[in-house]
């Protein structure tokens, strides 16, 4: 009987000839690969369900790959994305095209009446470059500038497990497998966005979900794939809703500094909340600058504070943290005021999180001078509060 196009794939020709069981791996089965012989199947056209990632062992990935309902997406993007897809920013690399943010900085008012600000594209390029490395940093090192590894040492919440798996899949993405990779990433992102557990989330669960969504946003906003960018834009309001909810549910915890926190773990939670809230707002603002050329979140971003001392954030035990607290200044950055940090500290004191914000608020040239000389720079004719004023503080 002739086999139809929808029939199950059969063993390779060599295994049939030798009357051996075929593993039916693609593009070459394991037996043929070991014997170094040519491997061919009766029908070499295979579906997405035939594609495997042997180095990734996730049960939900295996289930998804067996889903016969997977088909390439053929929908249409919303009209407002048309300009972005043919505009000056592709999202692939900073060198592909200049960013659309204005190079002359001033304040104006958006069409809806909200105060909006402009910043130099060099600073945003630097920030986006860092953002795009953070998922891989988390994958390779188990840490990110807003995800403390010890916070989830006893149990990593499921949303972060899925986000970590997405990072692993994204790191293996090629032109040949990108459809499968993005299908899995999108599936896990949608599972998070439509979680039925949201009403039962504790503050810790809400923090983990917000951090996981940030990771998905980093991957999808700046990859360059237009469908992923559209999905990430659609998810942005949800990210901001969760951010506001996290902020309102952790008002006390956010006051826990190195001086007031009752314990190391309480400080880790409070600092993680502060950094996650700041990062969520900053990502939204940076993307707005990239796409629209202005940002309406300057004041909200600047209202946040955090601990800049790298040794405190990177401490792996209560003892390490206590020693760092006693021997080093915490460099508490209140409402994004970096003046004391630049007067009294060195670049080695800051981690990626602090450096991204420092460059944004002070400017790349000023930070380069500070890193090279150890002294803050006040260029002739430039107000030291210049960048802060552009972000809506003054």
Protein backbone atom coordinates (compact mmCIF):
# COMPACT_ATOMS: atom_id res chain seq x y z
CA UNK A 1 0.00 0.00 0.00
CA UNK A 2 1.33 3.38 -0.90
CA UNK A 3 2.17 5.64 2.00
CA UNK A 4 0.51 9.03 2.12
CA UNK A 5 2.26 12.26 3.01
CA UNK A 6 0.90 12.12 6.55
CA UNK A 7 2.12 8.57 7.32
CA UNK A 8 4.59 7.84 10.10
CA UNK A 9 8.27 8.10 9.17
CA UNK A 10 9.90 4.69 8.67
CA UNK A 11 13.34 3.35 9.55
CA UNK A 12 16.29 4.32 7.41
CA UNK A 13 17.20 2.16 4.42
CA UNK A 14 20.43 0.79 5.97
CA UNK A 15 18.72 -0.37 9.18
CA UNK A 16 15.94 -2.02 7.17
CA UNK A 17 18.54 -3.77 5.03
CA UNK A 18 20.43 -5.02 8.10
CA UNK A 19 17.17 -5.88 9.90
CA UNK A 20 18.21 -3.74 12.87
CA UNK A 21 16.16 -1.39 14.98
CA UNK A 22 16.52 2.20 13.79
CA UNK A 23 16.52 5.12 16.22
CA UNK A 24 15.26 7.36 13.38
CA UNK A 25 17.38 10.30 14.52
CA UNK A 26 17.85 13.17 12.09
CA UNK A 27 19.65 13.84 9.89
CA UNK A 28 21.51 10.53 10.55
CA UNK A 29 20.40 7.72 12.82
CA UNK A 30 22.72 6.67 15.64
CA UNK A 31 23.60 3.29 14.12
CA UNK A 32 24.59 4.76 10.75
CA UNK A 33 26.49 7.53 12.46
CA UNK A 34 28.54 5.03 14.50
CA UNK A 35 29.28 2.92 11.42
CA UNK A 36 30.02 6.03 9.36
CA UNK A 37 27.70 4.94 6.56
CA UNK A 38 25.21 6.91 4.49
CA UNK A 39 21.81 7.19 6.12
CA UNK A 40 18.65 7.86 4.14
CA UNK A 41 14.96 7.62 4.83
CA UNK A 42 12.15 6.63 2.44
CA UNK A 43 10.81 10.19 2.72
CA UNK A 44 13.42 12.83 3.55
CA UNK A 45 10.77 15.51 4.12
CA UNK A 46 10.28 15.79 7.86
CA UNK A 47 8.12 17.92 10.08
CA UNK A 48 8.95 20.11 13.05
CA UNK A 49 8.05 17.16 15.28
CA UNK A 50 11.04 15.27 13.82
CA UNK A 51 13.57 17.85 14.95
CA UNK A 52 15.37 17.06 18.19
CA UNK A 53 17.62 18.91 20.61
CA UNK A 54 19.52 15.96 22.16
CA UNK A 55 21.56 18.23 24.44
CA UNK A 56 18.41 19.66 26.07
CA UNK A 57 16.42 17.31 28.29
CA UNK A 58 13.12 18.98 29.14
CA UNK A 59 10.03 16.77 29.28
CA UNK A 60 7.77 19.61 28.16
CA UNK A 61 10.04 20.15 25.13
CA UNK A 62 9.65 16.51 24.10
CA UNK A 63 5.87 16.79 24.45
CA UNK A 64 5.80 19.96 22.37
CA UNK A 65 7.94 18.46 19.63
CA UNK A 66 5.48 15.58 19.34
CA UNK A 67 2.59 18.01 18.87
CA UNK A 68 1.35 17.40 15.33
CA UNK A 69 -0.49 20.72 15.42
CA UNK A 70 2.65 22.81 15.04
CA UNK A 71 2.56 24.87 11.87
CA UNK A 72 4.51 27.91 10.71
CA UNK A 73 2.90 31.20 11.67
CA UNK A 74 1.14 32.98 8.81
CA UNK A 75 -0.62 35.81 10.60
CA UNK A 76 -0.31 39.54 10.08
CA UNK A 77 1.32 42.07 12.38
CA UNK A 78 -0.53 45.08 13.63
CA UNK A 79 -0.19 48.11 11.32
CA UNK A 80 1.96 50.11 13.72
CA UNK A 81 4.76 47.55 13.33
CA UNK A 82 5.04 48.08 9.60
CA UNK A 83 7.10 51.22 10.06
CA UNK A 84 9.34 49.53 12.58
CA UNK A 85 10.02 46.60 10.27
CA UNK A 86 11.15 48.89 7.47
CA UNK A 87 12.63 51.65 9.61
CA UNK A 88 16.06 52.44 10.88
CA UNK A 89 16.20 49.83 13.63
CA UNK A 90 16.25 46.08 12.98
CA UNK A 91 17.19 44.92 16.44
CA UNK A 92 19.89 42.51 15.26
CA UNK A 93 23.05 44.35 16.23
CA UNK A 94 23.93 47.89 17.14
CA UNK A 95 26.01 48.24 13.96
CA UNK A 96 23.27 47.17 11.55
CA UNK A 97 21.57 50.55 11.61
CA UNK A 98 21.65 53.70 13.71
CA UNK A 99 19.16 53.90 16.53
CA UNK A 100 16.26 56.29 16.17
CA UNK A 101 16.75 58.11 19.47
CA UNK A 102 17.52 61.80 19.01
CA UNK A 103 21.11 62.88 19.35
CA UNK A 104 20.16 66.38 20.46
CA UNK A 105 18.70 66.12 23.90
CA UNK A 106 15.72 68.09 25.11
CA UNK A 107 12.37 67.72 26.83
CA UNK A 108 9.04 67.98 25.06
CA UNK A 109 5.51 66.68 25.34
CA UNK A 110 4.19 63.54 23.71
CA UNK A 111 1.03 63.57 21.64
CA UNK A 112 -1.01 62.38 24.59
CA UNK A 113 0.19 65.22 26.80
CA UNK A 114 2.70 63.21 28.86
CA UNK A 115 6.11 64.66 29.54
CA UNK A 116 8.66 62.85 27.41
CA UNK A 117 12.43 62.95 27.25
CA UNK A 118 15.16 62.27 24.70
CA UNK A 119 18.64 60.90 25.28
CA UNK A 120 21.73 60.32 23.15
CA UNK A 121 21.74 57.10 21.16
CA UNK A 122 25.27 56.19 22.35
CA UNK A 123 24.00 55.65 25.89
CA UNK A 124 21.04 53.59 24.72
CA UNK A 125 23.29 51.51 22.45
CA UNK A 126 25.49 50.75 25.45
CA UNK A 127 22.47 49.77 27.55
CA UNK A 128 20.94 47.55 24.88
CA UNK A 129 24.28 45.88 24.25
CA UNK A 130 24.41 44.91 27.93
CA UNK A 131 20.77 43.78 27.97
CA UNK A 132 21.36 41.39 25.09
CA UNK A 133 24.17 39.65 26.99
CA UNK A 134 22.26 39.11 30.23
CA UNK A 135 20.24 36.00 29.25
CA UNK A 136 23.48 34.24 28.24
CA UNK A 137 25.20 35.51 31.39
CA UNK A 138 22.41 34.00 33.47
CA UNK A 139 22.64 30.76 31.48
CA UNK A 140 26.42 30.42 31.83
CA UNK A 141 26.96 31.85 35.31
CA UNK A 142 23.63 31.22 37.04
CA UNK A 143 23.27 34.91 37.84
CA UNK A 144 22.01 38.11 36.25
CA UNK A 145 22.27 41.74 37.42
CA UNK A 146 18.71 41.57 38.80
CA UNK A 147 18.42 37.82 39.63
CA UNK A 148 20.34 36.79 42.74
CA UNK A 149 21.27 33.07 42.60
CA UNK A 150 20.92 32.59 46.36
CA UNK A 151 17.36 33.89 46.45
CA UNK A 152 16.13 30.67 44.83
CA UNK A 153 18.82 28.31 46.17
CA UNK A 154 16.29 26.00 47.82
CA UNK A 155 13.63 26.10 45.07
CA UNK A 156 13.64 27.80 41.71
CA UNK A 157 10.06 28.80 40.75
CA UNK A 158 8.69 27.26 37.59
CA UNK A 159 8.58 30.55 35.60
CA UNK A 160 12.32 30.98 36.11
CA UNK A 161 12.95 27.34 35.20
CA UNK A 162 11.12 27.91 31.92
CA UNK A 163 12.98 31.18 31.29
CA UNK A 164 16.30 29.41 31.92
CA UNK A 165 15.31 26.67 29.48
CA UNK A 166 14.40 29.36 26.94
CA UNK A 167 17.88 30.86 27.34
CA UNK A 168 19.42 27.44 26.70
CA UNK A 169 17.33 26.94 23.58
CA UNK A 170 18.05 30.46 22.33
CA UNK A 171 21.78 29.89 22.75
CA UNK A 172 21.55 26.97 20.26
CA UNK A 173 19.43 28.88 17.73
CA UNK A 174 20.60 28.75 14.13
CA UNK A 175 19.02 29.78 10.86
CA UNK A 176 17.99 26.17 10.33
CA UNK A 177 16.29 25.63 13.70
CA UNK A 178 15.09 29.12 14.59
CA UNK A 179 11.43 28.33 13.89
CA UNK A 180 11.50 25.46 16.38
CA UNK A 181 13.49 27.51 18.91
CA UNK A 182 11.11 30.46 18.73
CA UNK A 183 8.07 28.17 18.85
CA UNK A 184 9.25 26.73 22.15
CA UNK A 185 10.27 30.12 23.57
CA UNK A 186 6.93 31.65 22.59
CA UNK A 187 5.04 28.72 24.06
CA UNK A 188 6.75 29.08 27.44
CA UNK A 189 6.33 32.87 27.44
CA UNK A 190 2.60 32.51 26.73
CA UNK A 191 2.29 29.91 29.47
CA UNK A 192 3.73 32.44 31.91
CA UNK A 193 1.59 35.32 30.66
CA UNK A 194 -1.61 33.27 30.97
CA UNK A 195 -0.76 31.54 34.24
CA UNK A 196 -3.85 30.55 36.22
CA UNK A 197 -1.85 30.84 39.45
CA UNK A 198 -1.48 34.62 39.35
CA UNK A 199 -4.08 35.34 42.04
CA UNK A 200 -2.26 32.97 44.39
CA UNK A 201 1.25 34.30 43.77
CA UNK A 202 3.18 35.29 46.88
CA UNK A 203 5.49 38.33 46.66
CA UNK A 204 8.35 35.93 45.95
CA UNK A 205 6.35 34.20 43.20
CA UNK A 206 5.46 37.59 41.70
CA UNK A 207 9.11 38.63 41.76
CA UNK A 208 10.15 35.42 40.01
CA UNK A 209 7.43 35.79 37.36
CA UNK A 210 8.44 39.39 36.67
CA UNK A 211 12.10 38.41 36.38
CA UNK A 212 11.22 35.53 34.06
CA UNK A 213 9.15 37.81 31.83
CA UNK A 214 12.06 40.27 31.70
CA UNK A 215 14.29 37.47 30.40
CA UNK A 216 11.72 36.59 27.72
CA UNK A 217 11.52 40.29 26.80
CA UNK A 218 15.31 40.59 26.45
CA UNK A 219 15.33 37.64 24.08
CA UNK A 220 12.33 38.63 21.97
CA UNK A 221 12.53 42.42 21.76
CA UNK A 222 16.07 42.64 20.44
CA UNK A 223 16.60 39.47 18.43
CA UNK A 224 15.41 40.98 15.17
CA UNK A 225 12.64 38.46 14.45
CA UNK A 226 9.59 40.61 13.75
CA UNK A 227 7.04 38.15 15.08
CA UNK A 228 8.91 37.80 18.37
CA UNK A 229 9.20 41.57 18.64
CA UNK A 230 5.45 41.92 18.11
CA UNK A 231 4.73 39.31 20.79
CA UNK A 232 7.10 41.04 23.21
CA UNK A 233 5.46 44.42 22.57
CA UNK A 234 2.09 42.87 23.31
CA UNK A 235 3.47 41.51 26.60
CA UNK A 236 4.95 44.84 27.72
CA UNK A 237 1.73 46.14 29.39
CA UNK A 238 1.53 42.90 31.38
CA UNK A 239 5.13 43.33 32.50
CA UNK A 240 4.36 46.85 33.69
CA UNK A 241 1.21 45.66 35.50
CA UNK A 242 3.20 42.99 37.33
CA UNK A 243 5.90 45.56 38.10
CA UNK A 244 3.40 47.93 39.70
CA UNK A 245 1.85 45.06 41.63
CA UNK A 246 5.29 43.96 42.85
CA UNK A 247 6.05 47.51 43.92
CA UNK A 248 2.82 47.85 45.89
CA UNK A 249 3.17 44.46 47.59
CA UNK A 250 6.76 44.97 48.77
CA UNK A 251 6.80 48.51 50.12
CA UNK A 252 8.39 47.45 53.41
CA UNK A 253 10.92 45.07 51.85
CA UNK A 254 12.13 47.80 49.50
CA UNK A 255 13.29 49.82 52.51
CA UNK A 256 15.70 47.07 53.61
CA UNK A 257 19.20 48.43 53.02
CA UNK A 258 22.47 47.03 54.32
CA UNK A 259 21.90 49.14 57.44
CA UNK A 260 18.27 48.22 58.12
CA UNK A 261 17.77 44.70 56.75
CA UNK A 262 17.17 42.17 59.55
CA UNK A 263 19.10 39.46 57.66
CA UNK A 264 21.10 38.71 54.55
CA UNK A 265 18.17 36.95 52.89
CA UNK A 266 15.82 39.84 53.60
CA UNK A 267 18.36 42.19 52.00
CA UNK A 268 18.69 39.89 48.96
CA UNK A 269 14.93 39.95 48.49
CA UNK A 270 14.66 43.71 48.94
CA UNK A 271 17.57 44.43 46.59
CA UNK A 272 16.23 41.97 44.01
CA UNK A 273 12.85 43.73 44.10
CA UNK A 274 14.48 47.15 43.71
CA UNK A 275 16.60 46.03 40.77
CA UNK A 276 13.77 44.17 39.06
CA UNK A 277 11.40 47.14 39.28
CA UNK A 278 14.10 49.49 37.98
CA UNK A 279 15.04 47.09 35.19
CA UNK A 280 11.44 46.66 34.07
CA UNK A 281 10.87 50.41 33.82
CA UNK A 282 14.27 50.98 32.22
CA UNK A 283 13.68 48.32 29.56
CA UNK A 284 10.32 49.84 28.67
CA UNK A 285 11.87 53.30 28.49
CA UNK A 286 14.89 52.19 26.46
CA UNK A 287 12.71 50.37 23.95
CA UNK A 288 10.46 53.42 23.67
CA UNK A 289 13.53 55.51 22.87
CA UNK A 290 14.63 53.00 20.24
CA UNK A 291 11.25 52.76 18.55
CA UNK A 292 9.67 56.18 19.10
CA UNK A 293 12.65 58.43 19.82
CA UNK A 294 11.33 59.53 23.22
CA UNK A 295 10.47 58.13 26.65
CA UNK A 296 7.73 59.06 29.13
CA UNK A 297 9.11 57.02 32.05
CA UNK A 298 12.06 59.21 33.03
CA UNK A 299 10.64 60.32 36.37
CA UNK A 300 9.48 56.81 37.29
CA UNK A 301 12.92 55.36 36.59
CA UNK A 302 14.72 58.10 38.50
CA UNK A 303 12.51 57.62 41.57
CA UNK A 304 14.18 54.25 42.23
CA UNK A 305 17.21 53.48 44.37
CA UNK A 306 19.57 50.51 44.69
CA UNK A 307 22.82 49.24 46.22
CA UNK A 308 25.73 49.73 43.82
CA UNK A 309 28.45 47.82 45.71
CA UNK A 310 29.28 44.76 43.63
CA UNK A 311 30.75 42.82 46.58
CA UNK A 312 27.45 42.94 48.44
CA UNK A 313 25.39 41.76 45.46
CA UNK A 314 27.84 38.99 44.60
CA UNK A 315 28.24 37.65 48.16
CA UNK A 316 27.38 33.95 48.22
CA UNK A 317 26.84 33.50 51.96
CA UNK A 318 25.78 35.49 55.01
CA UNK A 319 29.42 35.56 56.14
CA UNK A 320 30.67 36.98 52.83
CA UNK A 321 27.91 39.55 52.85
CA UNK A 322 28.61 40.59 56.44
CA UNK A 323 32.33 40.99 55.71
CA UNK A 324 31.57 43.08 52.62
CA UNK A 325 29.11 45.17 54.60
CA UNK A 326 31.68 45.87 57.32
CA UNK A 327 34.70 46.47 55.05
CA UNK A 328 33.20 48.27 52.06
CA UNK A 329 30.86 51.16 51.46
CA UNK A 330 27.48 49.98 50.17
CA UNK A 331 27.31 52.96 47.75
CA UNK A 332 23.58 53.37 48.13
CA UNK A 333 22.35 55.18 45.00
CA UNK A 334 19.34 57.22 46.05
CA UNK A 335 17.06 58.24 43.19
CA UNK A 336 19.80 57.61 40.63
CA UNK A 337 22.21 60.13 42.16
CA UNK A 338 25.64 58.76 41.22
CA UNK A 339 27.69 61.77 42.33
CA UNK A 340 29.11 60.14 45.48
CA UNK A 341 29.78 56.89 43.65
CA UNK A 342 31.91 58.75 41.11
CA UNK A 343 33.70 60.79 43.78
CA UNK A 344 34.56 57.98 46.16
CA UNK A 345 34.48 54.63 44.34
CA UNK A 346 36.11 52.96 41.36
CA UNK A 347 34.67 51.11 38.40
CA UNK A 348 35.56 47.78 40.03
CA UNK A 349 32.99 48.50 42.75
CA UNK A 350 30.04 48.37 40.31
CA UNK A 351 28.44 45.41 38.59
CA UNK A 352 26.70 45.47 35.18
CA UNK A 353 23.47 46.82 36.64
CA UNK A 354 25.10 49.87 38.19
CA UNK A 355 27.30 50.47 35.16
CA UNK A 356 24.37 50.51 32.72
CA UNK A 357 22.51 53.06 34.83
CA UNK A 358 25.64 55.13 35.45
CA UNK A 359 26.33 55.40 31.71
CA UNK A 360 22.72 56.35 31.04
CA UNK A 361 22.63 59.09 33.64
CA UNK A 362 26.14 60.49 33.27
CA UNK A 363 26.97 59.75 29.65
CA UNK A 364 29.49 57.40 28.03
CA UNK A 365 32.27 60.01 27.73
CA UNK A 366 32.03 61.04 31.37
CA UNK A 367 32.08 57.41 32.54
CA UNK A 368 35.02 56.57 30.26
CA UNK A 369 36.99 59.45 31.76
CA UNK A 370 36.07 58.33 35.29
CA UNK A 371 37.14 54.75 34.59
CA UNK A 372 40.44 55.86 33.10
CA UNK A 373 41.38 58.45 35.72
CA UNK A 374 39.35 57.58 38.78
CA UNK A 375 38.05 61.14 38.86
CA UNK A 376 34.63 62.45 37.81
CA UNK A 377 34.69 64.67 34.77
CA UNK A 378 32.92 68.02 34.44
CA UNK A 379 33.38 68.88 30.77
CA UNK A 380 33.67 72.56 29.91
CA UNK A 381 30.22 74.03 29.41
CA UNK A 382 28.37 70.83 30.41
CA UNK A 383 26.19 70.77 33.53
CA UNK A 384 26.89 67.77 35.77
CA UNK A 385 23.13 67.24 36.01
CA UNK A 386 22.74 67.30 32.24
CA UNK A 387 21.68 63.71 31.70
CA UNK A 388 19.51 63.65 34.76
CA UNK A 389 17.61 66.69 33.56
CA UNK A 390 16.96 64.92 30.29
CA UNK A 391 15.42 62.00 32.14
CA UNK A 392 12.82 64.27 33.70
CA UNK A 393 14.30 65.07 37.10
CA UNK A 394 14.75 68.83 36.72
